[in-house]
Amino acid sequence: MKPSNEEPYGYYPGCSLEKNALAYNESTSAVANVLGLKFEEVADWNCCGASEYLALDILPAYALISRNLALAASSSGSHSLVAPCSACFLNLSKVDHQMAEVPALASQVNEALAAGGLSYQPGSITIRHLLDVFVNDVGFDRISSLVTHPLYELRVAPYYGCLISRPDYEGVYDSPEYPTGLDHLMTALGAEVVDFPLKTHCCGGHMTQISEPVALELIRRLLQNAHEYDADVIATLCPMCQLNLDVYQEHVNHAFGTNYHIPILYFTQLIGLALGIRAKELGFGREFVSAKRALAKIGKARPAPKKKRKPSKEALPMPQATEVEYR
């Protein structure tokens, strides 16, 4: 549901955007100002518990998460709650869905919430990822019309991660295996989107704290895939994905003898650049792998369209993927 001009979006930043993903928060705010989007932060929000808490005890974990939904439903003028963090988005969506599916669970959760004078009716808030808002509410055409500094010649690998497209409780995303919304968004900015077959593969999450060899191999695969397609940057929409691919990139180089130097940027930072917002206002410089060299590749003129190579007559016919658009 798209809020009216007078109706702001409820906004749940989550813990990461307060610290290590500060650039995500800064760029989101800067871009929202240009696009005329109004985000109203939920007062007194708390951590969503990430993933570990859910594995320990479902009831207190769901109560912790649903407190944010209850606060949003009671204090926000919007029926939408936007979460930029993919883990937060998944947890909020999961709790809302499970409370609707299992009335006994909803009753127990509300009994816990009652201790703080709160309650939550599942379905009263629509939980949305920030990408959903840019793609479906603002739209590619409007964003493209506001671009003043196109990202010509910048080769971008769009990385969705494994959390936002599956499970898709509300049915708003496209293919769970090969989504394209972020691809189209980057194209609207003038960037050259490269094929990125591992775009929905896991970055390892918190595996860096459990088994570093496993974590580094998962990260290496993603970096290698982007490298194979000559990507200048990887555009992400998840703080955990950005952290793993950025912070541990040098660890990967050391462990595997590679020499990756691929900046991992938030998609909102790239939108901001294309809209003419100063890099400093978008949080550039906070990344471990500097983006300066990659951004210097941005051209001044639109590149000439590339001619498609005709397949060899001897080549086997290849099936074509069906592209499913956002709702």
Protein backbone atom coordinates (compact mmCIF):
# COMPACT_ATOMS: atom_id res chain seq x y z
CA MET A 1 0.00 0.00 0.00
CA LYS A 2 1.39 3.38 -0.96
CA PRO A 3 0.82 6.02 1.74
CA SER A 4 -0.82 9.28 0.75
CA ASN A 5 1.29 12.42 0.52
CA GLU A 6 0.28 13.33 4.07
CA GLU A 7 0.95 9.86 5.44
CA PRO A 8 4.58 9.07 6.35
CA TYR A 9 6.05 5.61 6.32
CA GLY A 10 6.75 4.04 9.66
CA TYR A 11 10.50 3.50 9.85
CA TYR A 12 12.35 0.78 11.74
CA PRO A 13 16.12 1.34 11.29
CA GLY A 14 17.31 -1.57 13.41
CA CYS A 15 20.54 -1.74 15.38
CA SER A 16 22.97 -1.98 12.45
CA LEU A 17 21.96 1.36 10.98
CA GLU A 18 22.89 3.00 14.27
CA LYS A 19 26.54 1.91 14.03
CA ASN A 20 28.28 -0.23 11.40
CA ALA A 21 25.66 0.49 8.72
CA LEU A 22 25.47 4.21 9.45
CA ALA A 23 26.17 4.94 5.77
CA TYR A 24 22.94 3.09 4.92
CA ASN A 25 20.95 5.29 7.30
CA GLU A 26 22.63 8.49 6.10
CA SER A 27 22.12 7.71 2.42
CA THR A 28 18.52 6.64 2.97
CA SER A 29 17.75 9.93 4.70
CA ALA A 30 19.52 12.00 2.05
CA VAL A 31 17.78 10.25 -0.85
CA ALA A 32 14.38 10.39 0.86
CA ASN A 33 14.69 14.18 1.13
CA VAL A 34 15.22 14.51 -2.62
CA LEU A 35 12.40 12.10 -3.48
CA GLY A 36 9.98 13.64 -1.00
CA LEU A 37 9.60 10.47 1.04
CA LYS A 38 8.64 10.85 4.69
CA PHE A 39 9.96 8.28 7.16
CA GLU A 40 8.77 8.44 10.76
CA GLU A 41 11.02 6.43 13.07
CA VAL A 42 9.20 4.21 15.55
CA ALA A 43 9.72 5.66 19.02
CA ASP A 44 11.48 3.47 21.59
CA TRP A 45 12.06 0.60 19.15
CA ASN A 46 14.19 -2.33 20.28
CA CYS A 47 16.46 -4.90 18.62
CA CYS A 48 14.74 -7.52 16.48
CA GLY A 49 16.93 -10.22 18.03
CA ALA A 50 18.71 -11.01 14.76
CA SER A 51 18.78 -14.79 14.23
CA GLU A 52 20.28 -16.31 17.38
CA TYR A 53 17.48 -15.36 19.75
CA LEU A 54 14.88 -17.11 17.57
CA ALA A 55 16.90 -20.31 17.81
CA LEU A 56 16.90 -20.21 21.62
CA ASP A 57 13.29 -19.59 22.61
CA ILE A 58 10.47 -18.71 20.22
CA LEU A 59 8.07 -17.00 22.64
CA PRO A 60 10.38 -14.35 24.14
CA ALA A 61 11.91 -13.84 20.69
CA TYR A 62 8.52 -13.24 19.11
CA ALA A 63 7.49 -10.98 21.99
CA LEU A 64 10.65 -8.94 21.51
CA ILE A 65 10.01 -8.52 17.79
CA SER A 66 6.26 -7.94 18.08
CA ARG A 67 6.86 -5.11 20.53
CA ASN A 68 8.14 -3.10 17.58
CA LEU A 69 5.03 -3.95 15.57
CA ALA A 70 2.82 -2.93 18.49
CA LEU A 71 4.65 0.38 18.86
CA ALA A 72 4.42 1.04 15.13
CA ALA A 73 0.71 0.22 15.03
CA SER A 74 -0.10 2.46 17.99
CA SER A 75 2.13 5.45 17.29
CA SER A 76 2.59 5.73 13.53
CA GLY A 77 0.12 7.38 11.22
CA SER A 78 1.03 4.87 8.53
CA HIS A 79 -0.11 1.34 7.82
CA SER A 80 3.36 0.53 6.50
CA LEU A 81 6.51 -0.21 8.45
CA VAL A 82 9.71 0.06 6.40
CA ALA A 83 12.84 -1.85 7.40
CA PRO A 84 16.08 -1.20 5.46
CA CYS A 85 17.81 -4.17 7.12
CA SER A 86 16.97 -7.51 5.50
CA ALA A 87 17.23 -9.45 8.77
CA CYS A 88 14.91 -7.00 10.53
CA PHE A 89 12.52 -7.13 7.58
CA LEU A 90 12.44 -10.93 7.70
CA ASN A 91 11.94 -11.12 11.47
CA LEU A 92 9.17 -8.53 11.53
CA SER A 93 7.43 -10.21 8.57
CA LYS A 94 7.82 -13.68 10.09
CA VAL A 95 6.29 -12.72 13.42
CA ASP A 96 3.35 -10.91 11.82
CA HIS A 97 2.72 -13.92 9.58
CA GLN A 98 3.06 -16.55 12.31
CA MET A 99 0.82 -14.66 14.72
CA ALA A 100 -1.87 -14.59 12.02
CA GLU A 101 -1.39 -18.29 11.23
CA VAL A 102 -1.25 -19.54 14.82
CA PRO A 103 -3.84 -17.84 17.10
CA ALA A 104 -2.52 -19.65 20.17
CA LEU A 105 0.92 -18.13 19.57
CA ALA A 106 -0.61 -14.69 19.04
CA SER A 107 -2.42 -15.03 22.36
CA GLN A 108 0.80 -15.91 24.18
CA VAL A 109 2.70 -13.08 22.54
CA ASN A 110 0.01 -10.57 23.43
CA GLU A 111 0.01 -11.83 27.00
CA ALA A 112 3.72 -10.98 27.14
CA LEU A 113 3.14 -7.61 25.48
CA ALA A 114 0.42 -6.79 28.00
CA ALA A 115 3.08 -6.57 30.71
CA GLY A 116 4.27 -3.41 28.94
CA GLY A 117 0.78 -2.11 28.21
CA LEU A 118 0.91 -3.16 24.55
CA SER A 119 -0.86 -5.52 22.18
CA TYR A 120 -0.63 -6.31 18.49
CA GLN A 121 -3.25 -7.48 16.03
CA PRO A 122 -1.47 -9.34 13.21
CA GLY A 123 -2.03 -7.79 9.81
CA SER A 124 -2.56 -4.26 11.13
CA ILE A 125 0.87 -3.23 9.81
CA THR A 126 2.33 -4.02 6.38
CA ILE A 127 6.04 -4.74 6.73
CA ARG A 128 8.07 -3.62 3.74
CA HIS A 129 11.70 -3.61 2.77
CA LEU A 130 13.18 -0.29 1.69
CA LEU A 131 13.86 -1.64 -1.82
CA ASP A 132 10.13 -2.37 -2.19
CA VAL A 133 9.34 1.31 -1.55
CA PHE A 134 11.82 2.59 -4.12
CA VAL A 135 10.75 0.08 -6.77
CA ASN A 136 6.98 0.01 -6.30
CA ASP A 137 6.06 3.38 -4.80
CA VAL A 138 8.62 5.78 -6.23
CA GLY A 139 9.20 3.79 -9.41
CA PHE A 140 12.00 3.56 -11.95
CA ASP A 141 10.64 6.34 -14.17
CA ARG A 142 10.48 8.95 -11.43
CA ILE A 143 13.93 8.10 -10.11
CA SER A 144 15.36 8.18 -13.63
CA SER A 145 13.78 11.60 -14.25
CA LEU A 146 15.60 13.03 -11.21
CA VAL A 147 19.04 11.68 -12.14
CA THR A 148 21.51 14.52 -12.67
CA HIS A 149 24.76 12.55 -12.51
CA PRO A 150 24.19 9.24 -14.34
CA LEU A 151 26.41 6.35 -13.32
CA TYR A 152 27.59 5.76 -16.88
CA GLU A 153 30.25 3.07 -17.34
CA LEU A 154 29.98 1.90 -13.70
CA ARG A 155 29.54 -1.86 -13.73
CA VAL A 156 27.31 -2.89 -10.83
CA ALA A 157 26.63 -6.39 -9.51
CA PRO A 158 23.22 -6.27 -7.74
CA TYR A 159 23.32 -8.41 -4.61
CA TYR A 160 20.01 -9.19 -2.88
CA GLY A 161 21.21 -11.72 -0.34
CA CYS A 162 19.12 -14.65 0.85
CA LEU A 163 16.60 -13.00 3.17
CA ILE A 164 14.25 -10.56 1.43
CA SER A 165 12.92 -12.58 -1.50
CA ARG A 166 12.19 -15.83 0.30
CA PRO A 167 10.01 -16.53 2.07
CA ASP A 168 7.84 -13.84 0.50
CA TYR A 169 4.81 -13.63 2.76
CA GLU A 170 3.16 -10.68 1.04
CA GLY A 171 3.93 -11.73 -2.53
CA VAL A 172 5.54 -8.42 -3.47
CA TYR A 173 8.85 -9.64 -4.82
CA ASP A 174 9.71 -11.18 -8.13
CA SER A 175 11.61 -14.42 -8.65
CA PRO A 176 12.93 -15.79 -5.34
CA GLU A 177 15.94 -17.24 -7.18
CA TYR A 178 16.70 -14.47 -9.65
CA PRO A 179 14.99 -11.18 -8.73
CA THR A 180 15.48 -8.15 -10.97
CA GLY A 181 14.08 -5.11 -9.14
CA LEU A 182 17.47 -3.89 -7.96
CA ASP A 183 18.87 -4.57 -11.45
CA HIS A 184 16.25 -2.28 -13.02
CA LEU A 185 16.83 0.36 -10.36
CA MET A 186 20.57 0.46 -11.09
CA THR A 187 19.82 0.67 -14.82
CA ALA A 188 17.56 3.65 -14.14
CA LEU A 189 20.59 5.38 -12.60
CA GLY A 190 22.58 4.90 -15.81
CA ALA A 191 24.79 2.13 -14.44
CA GLU A 192 25.73 -0.98 -16.40
CA VAL A 193 24.27 -3.96 -14.57
CA VAL A 194 26.32 -7.12 -14.86
CA ASP A 195 24.98 -10.62 -14.65
CA PHE A 196 25.41 -11.93 -11.11
CA PRO A 197 24.23 -15.55 -10.85
CA LEU A 198 24.89 -15.71 -7.09
CA LYS A 199 22.75 -12.63 -6.37
CA THR A 200 20.52 -14.46 -3.85
CA HIS A 201 23.18 -16.72 -2.32
CA CYS A 202 24.01 -16.42 1.38
CA CYS A 203 26.97 -14.34 2.57
CA GLY A 204 27.30 -16.57 5.63
CA GLY A 205 25.57 -14.29 8.08
CA HIS A 206 27.14 -14.73 11.51
CA MET A 207 29.14 -17.74 10.33
CA THR A 208 32.29 -15.62 10.71
CA GLN A 209 31.83 -16.04 14.47
CA ILE A 210 31.17 -19.79 14.24
CA SER A 211 33.41 -21.23 11.52
CA GLU A 212 35.72 -18.77 9.80
CA PRO A 213 36.83 -21.19 7.04
CA VAL A 214 33.21 -21.82 6.03
CA ALA A 215 32.39 -18.11 6.19
CA LEU A 216 35.38 -17.07 4.09
CA GLU A 217 34.56 -19.65 1.42
CA LEU A 218 30.98 -18.34 1.14
CA ILE A 219 32.26 -14.77 0.86
CA ARG A 220 34.94 -15.79 -1.65
CA ARG A 221 32.35 -17.32 -3.96
CA LEU A 222 30.39 -14.08 -4.09
CA LEU A 223 33.46 -11.93 -4.68
CA GLN A 224 34.76 -14.33 -7.34
CA ASN A 225 31.42 -14.30 -9.14
CA ALA A 226 31.38 -10.49 -9.23
CA HIS A 227 35.03 -10.49 -10.33
CA GLU A 228 34.28 -12.92 -13.17
CA TYR A 229 31.77 -10.45 -14.57
CA ASP A 230 34.14 -7.48 -14.18
CA ALA A 231 31.95 -5.70 -11.64
CA ASP A 232 33.30 -2.39 -10.35
CA VAL A 233 31.10 -2.49 -7.26
CA ILE A 234 28.61 -4.77 -5.55
CA ALA A 235 25.36 -3.04 -4.61
CA THR A 236 23.68 -4.49 -1.54
CA LEU A 237 20.63 -3.80 0.60
CA CYS A 238 21.56 -5.70 3.76
CA PRO A 239 23.92 -4.50 6.54
CA MET A 240 25.11 -8.03 7.27
CA CYS A 241 25.92 -8.71 3.62
CA GLN A 242 27.75 -5.39 3.34
CA LEU A 243 29.71 -6.08 6.52
CA ASN A 244 30.80 -9.57 5.51
CA LEU A 245 31.83 -8.77 1.94
CA ASP A 246 33.52 -5.50 2.91
CA VAL A 247 35.23 -6.17 6.24
CA TYR A 248 36.27 -9.75 5.47
CA GLN A 249 37.42 -9.13 1.89
CA GLU A 250 41.03 -8.76 3.00
CA HIS A 251 40.70 -11.92 5.11
CA VAL A 252 39.56 -13.74 1.98
CA ASN A 253 42.54 -12.40 0.02
CA HIS A 254 44.89 -13.60 2.71
CA ALA A 255 43.28 -17.04 3.04
CA PHE A 256 42.95 -17.80 -0.68
CA GLY A 257 45.79 -15.80 -2.20
CA THR A 258 43.34 -13.63 -4.15
CA ASN A 259 43.49 -9.91 -4.80
CA TYR A 260 39.89 -8.74 -4.73
CA HIS A 261 39.29 -5.02 -4.36
CA ILE A 262 35.55 -4.68 -4.93
CA PRO A 263 33.75 -1.92 -3.00
CA ILE A 264 30.52 -3.10 -1.32
CA LEU A 265 28.04 -0.22 -1.37
CA TYR A 266 24.45 0.27 -0.29
CA PHE A 267 22.04 0.76 -3.17
CA THR A 268 20.89 4.01 -1.57
CA GLN A 269 24.43 5.38 -1.81
CA LEU A 270 24.42 4.79 -5.56
CA ILE A 271 20.97 6.37 -5.91
CA GLY A 272 22.25 9.38 -4.00
CA LEU A 273 25.27 9.81 -6.26
CA ALA A 274 23.06 9.70 -9.35
CA LEU A 275 20.75 12.31 -7.81
CA GLY A 276 23.71 14.65 -7.31
CA ILE A 277 24.04 14.33 -3.54
CA ARG A 278 27.56 14.84 -2.19
CA ALA A 279 29.40 11.62 -1.40
CA LYS A 280 30.10 12.72 2.17
CA GLU A 281 26.37 13.07 2.88
CA LEU A 282 25.89 9.51 1.63
CA GLY A 283 28.39 7.95 4.03
CA PHE A 284 31.13 7.30 1.50
CA GLY A 285 34.48 6.80 3.20
CA ARG A 286 33.05 4.52 5.88
CA GLU A 287 33.62 1.41 3.73
CA PHE A 288 36.74 -0.73 4.34
CA VAL A 289 37.37 -1.30 0.62
CA SER A 290 37.54 2.24 -0.74
CA ALA A 291 35.10 3.12 -3.51
CA LYS A 292 37.20 6.01 -4.88
CA ARG A 293 38.87 4.06 -7.67
CA ALA A 294 35.62 2.46 -8.80
CA LEU A 295 33.64 5.71 -8.78
CA ALA A 296 36.36 7.41 -10.81
CA LYS A 297 35.32 5.12 -13.69
CA ILE A 298 31.94 6.82 -14.01
CA GLY A 299 31.81 8.32 -17.50
CA LYS A 300 30.50 11.70 -18.64
CA ALA A 301 28.59 10.50 -21.68
CA ARG A 302 26.16 7.68 -22.29
CA PRO A 303 28.08 4.69 -23.66
CA ALA A 304 27.24 3.46 -27.13
CA PRO A 305 24.95 0.42 -27.11
CA LYS A 306 26.83 -2.82 -27.40
CA LYS A 307 26.08 -5.10 -30.30
CA LYS A 308 24.74 -8.48 -29.30
CA ARG A 309 26.87 -11.36 -30.43
CA LYS A 310 25.08 -13.86 -32.61
CA PRO A 311 25.26 -17.40 -31.26
CA SER A 312 27.27 -19.91 -33.22
CA LYS A 313 25.26 -22.15 -35.52
CA GLU A 314 26.96 -25.10 -33.86
CA ALA A 315 25.97 -23.96 -30.35
CA LEU A 316 23.21 -25.74 -28.48
CA PRO A 317 20.02 -23.69 -27.92
CA MET A 318 19.96 -22.16 -24.46
CA PRO A 319 16.75 -21.72 -22.43
CA GLN A 320 15.82 -18.12 -21.65
CA ALA A 321 14.89 -17.13 -18.09
CA THR A 322 11.45 -15.62 -17.74
CA GLU A 323 11.62 -12.26 -16.03
CA VAL A 324 8.90 -11.67 -13.47
CA GLU A 325 8.25 -8.03 -12.69
CA TYR A 326 7.48 -6.59 -9.26
CA ARG A 327 3.81 -6.33 -8.51
